[in-house]
Amino acid sequence: MAARQRPLALFGLLLLLLAPSSEAAVSRADCAELGFTETLVCSKCDRLSKAVGEAGGQLVQECSECCSEDHAEDRVLAKAHSAEVEICQ
């Protein structure tokens, strides 16, 4: 019985090795054609998903396929160089 399962296991392994990964399935040119830039980070796709909900399923999926993982230090809130505060009375 083990001898019969070996070819099946080898075939499954071969499929895994030859199947394109989800990251490699979409090229940078494809992403640019969809309107996504090289600077797109995945946290923006997460925000998009929350904003459009299930209605934007395909858009969110395409965004997720074109984004790059952002690092924890990139998620720090941006600091303003200066600010002007007006107090109205």
Protein backbone atom coordinates (compact mmCIF):
# COMPACT_ATOMS: atom_id res chain seq x y z
CA MET A 1 0.00 0.00 0.00
CA ALA A 2 2.86 2.39 0.79
CA ALA A 3 4.35 1.72 -2.65
CA ARG A 4 1.08 2.83 -4.26
CA GLN A 5 1.03 6.11 -2.32
CA ARG A 6 4.61 7.05 -3.20
CA PRO A 7 3.89 8.07 -6.84
CA LEU A 8 0.91 10.11 -5.67
CA ALA A 9 3.05 11.90 -3.07
CA LEU A 10 5.75 12.59 -5.67
CA PHE A 11 3.15 13.95 -8.08
CA GLY A 12 1.79 16.27 -5.37
CA LEU A 13 5.28 17.51 -4.57
CA LEU A 14 5.95 18.13 -8.25
CA LEU A 15 2.77 20.19 -8.54
CA LEU A 16 3.79 22.31 -5.56
CA LEU A 17 7.19 22.99 -7.04
CA LEU A 18 5.91 23.87 -10.50
CA ALA A 19 2.86 25.89 -9.48
CA PRO A 20 3.50 29.65 -9.49
CA SER A 21 3.25 31.31 -6.12
CA SER A 22 0.61 34.01 -5.60
CA GLU A 23 3.36 36.63 -5.33
CA ALA A 24 4.89 35.66 -8.67
CA ALA A 25 1.53 35.35 -10.43
CA VAL A 26 1.24 39.11 -10.96
CA SER A 27 4.10 41.04 -12.53
CA ARG A 28 4.99 44.66 -11.81
CA ALA A 29 3.79 45.53 -15.32
CA ASP A 30 0.42 43.92 -14.59
CA CYS A 31 0.16 45.88 -11.35
CA ALA A 32 1.05 49.13 -13.10
CA GLU A 33 -1.63 48.41 -15.70
CA LEU A 34 -4.12 47.97 -12.85
CA GLY A 35 -3.05 51.34 -11.45
CA PHE A 36 -0.89 50.17 -8.54
CA THR A 37 2.57 51.65 -8.01
CA GLU A 38 5.73 49.95 -6.79
CA THR A 39 5.42 51.77 -3.46
CA LEU A 40 2.12 50.08 -2.55
CA VAL A 41 2.34 48.49 0.90
CA CYS A 42 -0.05 45.82 2.13
CA SER A 43 -1.31 47.91 5.05
CA LYS A 44 -2.94 50.19 2.45
CA CYS A 45 -4.76 47.18 0.99
CA ASP A 46 -5.97 46.33 4.50
CA ARG A 47 -7.36 49.85 4.86
CA LEU A 48 -8.97 49.56 1.42
CA SER A 49 -10.60 46.29 2.45
CA LYS A 50 -12.09 47.89 5.55
CA ALA A 51 -13.37 50.85 3.52
CA VAL A 52 -15.05 48.95 0.66
CA GLY A 53 -16.02 45.75 2.46
CA GLU A 54 -17.13 42.76 0.43
CA ALA A 55 -18.21 44.95 -2.49
CA GLY A 56 -14.58 45.54 -3.46
CA GLY A 57 -13.53 41.91 -3.40
CA GLN A 58 -11.71 41.83 -6.74
CA LEU A 59 -10.06 45.22 -6.19
CA VAL A 60 -8.83 44.20 -2.74
CA GLN A 61 -7.53 40.90 -4.11
CA GLU A 62 -5.62 42.67 -6.89
CA CYS A 63 -4.25 45.15 -4.37
CA SER A 64 -3.07 42.30 -2.14
CA GLU A 65 -1.36 40.59 -5.07
CA CYS A 66 0.52 43.78 -5.99
CA CYS A 67 1.56 45.05 -2.56
CA SER A 68 4.83 44.65 -0.70
CA GLU A 69 4.94 43.74 2.96
CA ASP A 70 5.49 46.81 5.08
CA HIS A 71 7.77 46.68 8.07
CA ALA A 72 6.72 47.60 11.60
CA GLU A 73 8.87 50.74 11.54
CA ASP A 74 7.04 51.91 8.39
CA ARG A 75 3.76 51.92 10.28
CA VAL A 76 4.85 54.64 12.70
CA LEU A 77 2.68 57.69 12.35
CA ALA A 78 4.21 60.43 10.25
CA LYS A 79 5.49 63.45 12.12
CA ALA A 80 4.75 66.92 10.83
CA HIS A 81 7.64 69.32 10.41
CA SER A 82 5.51 72.20 11.61
CA ALA A 83 1.93 73.04 12.52
CA GLU A 84 -0.18 76.14 12.85
CA VAL A 85 -2.97 76.29 15.41
CA GLU A 86 -5.65 78.96 15.38
CA ILE A 87 -7.89 79.40 18.43
CA CYS A 88 -11.27 80.94 17.62
CA GLN A 89 -13.20 82.66 20.44
